[in-house]
Amino acid sequence: MHGYSADKQAYLTRLRRIEGQIRGLQRMVEEDAYCIDVLTQVSAATRALQAVALGLLEDHIGHCVTDAISAGGPEAEAKVKEASAAIARLVRS
């Protein structure tokens, strides 16, 4: 079971909303919308994706990493490194 399982429907709803934002962006470009308006919408979609990513990371740490640490052993260290790498990817983006 994944850490986000309890919130799966909420994540799917948010991702569908983001998908709609992306389709709206495509439409804006097709219709030659003003550059700043397109950039504003790109920024909003980016923030929405970042919010999903942070929620998933929080769920991962709260469930998967916590469970691995409780169990101990090499899996615990691997999960912490995995979470650290995920954080690094989010910070770079």
N, C-alpha and C. Protein backbone atom coordinates (compact mmCIF):
# COMPACT_ATOMS: atom_id res chain seq x y z
N MET A 1 0.85 -1.19 0.00
CA MET A 1 0.00 0.00 0.00
C MET A 1 0.89 1.24 0.00
N HIS A 2 0.58 2.19 -0.85
CA HIS A 2 1.35 3.42 -0.95
C HIS A 2 0.88 4.44 0.07
N GLY A 3 1.77 5.35 0.45
CA GLY A 3 1.45 6.36 1.44
C GLY A 3 0.31 7.27 1.05
N TYR A 4 0.08 7.44 -0.23
CA TYR A 4 -0.97 8.36 -0.69
C TYR A 4 -2.32 7.67 -0.86
N SER A 5 -2.41 6.38 -0.58
CA SER A 5 -3.63 5.62 -0.83
C SER A 5 -4.88 6.23 -0.19
N ALA A 6 -4.74 6.74 1.01
CA ALA A 6 -5.90 7.31 1.70
C ALA A 6 -6.40 8.57 1.00
N ASP A 7 -5.50 9.28 0.32
CA ASP A 7 -5.86 10.53 -0.35
C ASP A 7 -5.89 10.39 -1.87
N LYS A 8 -5.93 9.16 -2.35
CA LYS A 8 -5.82 8.91 -3.79
C LYS A 8 -6.87 9.69 -4.59
N GLN A 9 -8.10 9.69 -4.15
CA GLN A 9 -9.16 10.38 -4.90
C GLN A 9 -8.91 11.88 -4.95
N ALA A 10 -8.43 12.44 -3.84
CA ALA A 10 -8.14 13.87 -3.82
C ALA A 10 -6.99 14.20 -4.78
N TYR A 11 -5.98 13.35 -4.82
CA TYR A 11 -4.88 13.56 -5.76
C TYR A 11 -5.36 13.47 -7.20
N LEU A 12 -6.19 12.49 -7.48
CA LEU A 12 -6.71 12.35 -8.84
C LEU A 12 -7.54 13.57 -9.24
N THR A 13 -8.33 14.08 -8.33
CA THR A 13 -9.13 15.27 -8.60
C THR A 13 -8.24 16.46 -8.91
N ARG A 14 -7.20 16.64 -8.10
CA ARG A 14 -6.28 17.75 -8.33
C ARG A 14 -5.56 17.60 -9.66
N LEU A 15 -5.13 16.38 -9.97
CA LEU A 15 -4.41 16.16 -11.23
C LEU A 15 -5.33 16.38 -12.43
N ARG A 16 -6.59 16.02 -12.31
CA ARG A 16 -7.53 16.28 -13.41
C ARG A 16 -7.73 17.78 -13.60
N ARG A 17 -7.75 18.52 -12.50
CA ARG A 17 -7.89 19.97 -12.58
C ARG A 17 -6.66 20.56 -13.27
N ILE A 18 -5.48 20.05 -12.93
CA ILE A 18 -4.25 20.52 -13.56
C ILE A 18 -4.26 20.17 -15.05
N GLU A 19 -4.75 18.99 -15.36
CA GLU A 19 -4.87 18.59 -16.77
C GLU A 19 -5.73 19.59 -17.54
N GLY A 20 -6.80 20.04 -16.91
CA GLY A 20 -7.66 21.05 -17.52
C GLY A 20 -6.92 22.37 -17.70
N GLN A 21 -6.09 22.72 -16.72
CA GLN A 21 -5.29 23.94 -16.85
C GLN A 21 -4.35 23.84 -18.05
N ILE A 22 -3.74 22.68 -18.23
CA ILE A 22 -2.81 22.48 -19.34
C ILE A 22 -3.55 22.57 -20.68
N ARG A 23 -4.73 21.97 -20.74
CA ARG A 23 -5.53 22.10 -21.97
C ARG A 23 -5.88 23.57 -22.24
N GLY A 24 -6.17 24.30 -21.17
CA GLY A 24 -6.45 25.73 -21.31
C GLY A 24 -5.23 26.48 -21.84
N LEU A 25 -4.06 26.10 -21.38
CA LEU A 25 -2.83 26.71 -21.88
C LEU A 25 -2.65 26.44 -23.37
N GLN A 26 -2.91 25.21 -23.76
CA GLN A 26 -2.80 24.87 -25.19
C GLN A 26 -3.75 25.75 -26.01
N ARG A 27 -4.96 25.89 -25.51
CA ARG A 27 -5.96 26.71 -26.20
C ARG A 27 -5.50 28.16 -26.28
N MET A 28 -4.93 28.67 -25.18
CA MET A 28 -4.45 30.05 -25.18
C MET A 28 -3.38 30.26 -26.25
N VAL A 29 -2.46 29.31 -26.36
CA VAL A 29 -1.40 29.43 -27.36
C VAL A 29 -1.98 29.32 -28.76
N GLU A 30 -2.90 28.38 -28.95
CA GLU A 30 -3.55 28.25 -30.26
C GLU A 30 -4.26 29.53 -30.67
N GLU A 31 -4.84 30.23 -29.69
CA GLU A 31 -5.60 31.45 -29.96
C GLU A 31 -4.74 32.71 -29.86
N ASP A 32 -3.42 32.53 -29.77
CA ASP A 32 -2.48 33.66 -29.72
C ASP A 32 -2.76 34.62 -28.56
N ALA A 33 -2.97 34.05 -27.38
CA ALA A 33 -3.21 34.89 -26.19
C ALA A 33 -1.95 35.70 -25.86
N TYR A 34 -2.14 36.74 -25.12
CA TYR A 34 -1.05 37.62 -24.70
C TYR A 34 -0.04 36.82 -23.88
N CYS A 35 1.25 37.04 -24.18
CA CYS A 35 2.34 36.26 -23.56
C CYS A 35 2.25 36.23 -22.03
N ILE A 36 2.04 37.37 -21.43
CA ILE A 36 2.01 37.45 -19.97
C ILE A 36 0.84 36.65 -19.41
N ASP A 37 -0.27 36.65 -20.10
CA ASP A 37 -1.42 35.85 -19.66
C ASP A 37 -1.09 34.36 -19.69
N VAL A 38 -0.40 33.93 -20.74
CA VAL A 38 0.01 32.52 -20.84
C VAL A 38 0.99 32.19 -19.73
N LEU A 39 1.97 33.06 -19.53
CA LEU A 39 2.96 32.83 -18.47
C LEU A 39 2.32 32.78 -17.09
N THR A 40 1.33 33.59 -16.86
CA THR A 40 0.61 33.57 -15.58
C THR A 40 -0.04 32.21 -15.37
N GLN A 41 -0.64 31.68 -16.41
CA GLN A 41 -1.30 30.38 -16.31
C GLN A 41 -0.28 29.24 -16.17
N VAL A 42 0.87 29.37 -16.83
CA VAL A 42 1.95 28.39 -16.68
C VAL A 42 2.40 28.37 -15.22
N SER A 43 2.56 29.54 -14.65
CA SER A 43 2.97 29.65 -13.25
C SER A 43 1.95 29.00 -12.32
N ALA A 44 0.67 29.21 -12.58
CA ALA A 44 -0.39 28.61 -11.76
C ALA A 44 -0.37 27.08 -11.87
N ALA A 45 -0.18 26.57 -13.07
CA ALA A 45 -0.13 25.11 -13.26
C ALA A 45 1.10 24.53 -12.59
N THR A 46 2.21 25.24 -12.67
CA THR A 46 3.44 24.79 -12.02
C THR A 46 3.26 24.72 -10.51
N ARG A 47 2.66 25.75 -9.93
CA ARG A 47 2.41 25.76 -8.48
C ARG A 47 1.47 24.62 -8.08
N ALA A 48 0.48 24.35 -8.91
CA ALA A 48 -0.45 23.27 -8.60
C ALA A 48 0.26 21.93 -8.62
N LEU A 49 1.13 21.71 -9.60
CA LEU A 49 1.90 20.46 -9.65
C LEU A 49 2.85 20.35 -8.46
N GLN A 50 3.47 21.46 -8.10
CA GLN A 50 4.35 21.46 -6.94
C GLN A 50 3.59 21.11 -5.66
N ALA A 51 2.37 21.59 -5.53
CA ALA A 51 1.56 21.27 -4.36
C ALA A 51 1.25 19.78 -4.30
N VAL A 52 0.97 19.19 -5.45
CA VAL A 52 0.73 17.74 -5.51
C VAL A 52 2.01 17.00 -5.11
N ALA A 53 3.13 17.44 -5.66
CA ALA A 53 4.41 16.79 -5.35
C ALA A 53 4.72 16.87 -3.86
N LEU A 54 4.51 18.02 -3.26
CA LEU A 54 4.78 18.16 -1.83
C LEU A 54 3.85 17.29 -0.98
N GLY A 55 2.61 17.19 -1.39
CA GLY A 55 1.67 16.31 -0.69
C GLY A 55 2.09 14.86 -0.79
N LEU A 56 2.50 14.43 -1.98
CA LEU A 56 2.96 13.06 -2.16
C LEU A 56 4.22 12.79 -1.34
N LEU A 57 5.12 13.77 -1.31
CA LEU A 57 6.34 13.62 -0.52
C LEU A 57 6.02 13.50 0.97
N GLU A 58 5.12 14.33 1.43
CA GLU A 58 4.71 14.26 2.83
C GLU A 58 4.09 12.90 3.15
N ASP A 59 3.24 12.41 2.27
CA ASP A 59 2.64 11.09 2.47
C ASP A 59 3.70 10.00 2.46
N HIS A 60 4.67 10.12 1.56
CA HIS A 60 5.74 9.12 1.46
C HIS A 60 6.55 9.08 2.75
N ILE A 61 6.93 10.26 3.23
CA ILE A 61 7.72 10.31 4.46
C ILE A 61 6.89 9.82 5.64
N GLY A 62 5.64 10.24 5.71
CA GLY A 62 4.78 9.86 6.83
C GLY A 62 4.41 8.39 6.86
N HIS A 63 4.44 7.74 5.72
CA HIS A 63 4.03 6.33 5.66
C HIS A 63 5.21 5.42 5.34
N CYS A 64 5.73 5.53 4.14
CA CYS A 64 6.75 4.59 3.67
C CYS A 64 8.06 4.71 4.44
N VAL A 65 8.54 5.95 4.60
CA VAL A 65 9.81 6.15 5.30
C VAL A 65 9.66 5.80 6.78
N THR A 66 8.57 6.25 7.38
CA THR A 66 8.33 5.95 8.80
C THR A 66 8.25 4.45 9.05
N ASP A 67 7.54 3.73 8.18
CA ASP A 67 7.44 2.27 8.33
C ASP A 67 8.80 1.61 8.18
N ALA A 68 9.59 2.06 7.21
CA ALA A 68 10.91 1.47 6.99
C ALA A 68 11.82 1.74 8.18
N ILE A 69 11.76 2.94 8.74
CA ILE A 69 12.59 3.25 9.91
C ILE A 69 12.17 2.40 11.10
N SER A 70 10.88 2.21 11.28
CA SER A 70 10.40 1.36 12.37
C SER A 70 10.89 -0.07 12.22
N ALA A 71 10.93 -0.55 10.98
CA ALA A 71 11.40 -1.92 10.73
C ALA A 71 12.92 -2.02 10.87
N GLY A 72 13.61 -0.92 10.61
CA GLY A 72 15.06 -0.89 10.73
C GLY A 72 15.76 -1.59 9.57
N GLY A 73 17.04 -1.76 9.70
CA GLY A 73 17.82 -2.46 8.70
C GLY A 73 18.17 -1.60 7.51
N PRO A 74 18.72 -2.23 6.49
CA PRO A 74 19.18 -1.48 5.31
C PRO A 74 18.05 -0.80 4.54
N GLU A 75 16.84 -1.33 4.63
CA GLU A 75 15.71 -0.71 3.94
C GLU A 75 15.43 0.68 4.49
N ALA A 76 15.62 0.86 5.79
CA ALA A 76 15.39 2.17 6.41
C ALA A 76 16.33 3.21 5.81
N GLU A 77 17.60 2.87 5.71
CA GLU A 77 18.57 3.80 5.15
C GLU A 77 18.26 4.08 3.68
N ALA A 78 17.85 3.06 2.96
CA ALA A 78 17.51 3.22 1.54
C ALA A 78 16.32 4.16 1.36
N LYS A 79 15.30 4.03 2.21
CA LYS A 79 14.12 4.89 2.11
C LYS A 79 14.45 6.34 2.43
N VAL A 80 15.31 6.56 3.41
CA VAL A 80 15.72 7.92 3.75
C VAL A 80 16.48 8.54 2.59
N LYS A 81 17.40 7.78 1.98
CA LYS A 81 18.16 8.28 0.83
C LYS A 81 17.22 8.56 -0.34
N GLU A 82 16.25 7.68 -0.55
CA GLU A 82 15.28 7.86 -1.62
C GLU A 82 14.48 9.15 -1.41
N ALA A 83 14.03 9.39 -0.19
CA ALA A 83 13.28 10.61 0.12
C ALA A 83 14.16 11.84 -0.05
N SER A 84 15.40 11.74 0.37
CA SER A 84 16.33 12.86 0.22
C SER A 84 16.55 13.19 -1.25
N ALA A 85 16.68 12.18 -2.09
CA ALA A 85 16.85 12.39 -3.53
C ALA A 85 15.60 13.03 -4.13
N ALA A 86 14.42 12.61 -3.67
CA ALA A 86 13.18 13.20 -4.16
C ALA A 86 13.09 14.68 -3.78
N ILE A 87 13.51 15.00 -2.58
CA ILE A 87 13.51 16.40 -2.13
C ILE A 87 14.47 17.20 -3.00
N ALA A 88 15.63 16.65 -3.27
CA ALA A 88 16.62 17.34 -4.11
C ALA A 88 16.05 17.60 -5.50
N ARG A 89 15.34 16.64 -6.07
CA ARG A 89 14.73 16.84 -7.39
C ARG A 89 13.69 17.96 -7.33
N LEU A 90 12.91 18.00 -6.28
CA LEU A 90 11.89 19.05 -6.17
C LEU A 90 12.52 20.43 -6.00
N VAL A 91 13.59 20.49 -5.26
CA VAL A 91 14.26 21.77 -5.03
C VAL A 91 14.87 22.29 -6.33
N ARG A 92 15.39 21.39 -7.16
CA ARG A 92 16.01 21.80 -8.43
C ARG A 92 14.96 22.27 -9.43
N SER A 93 13.76 21.76 -9.33
CA SER A 93 12.75 22.10 -10.35
C SER A 93 12.10 23.44 -10.14
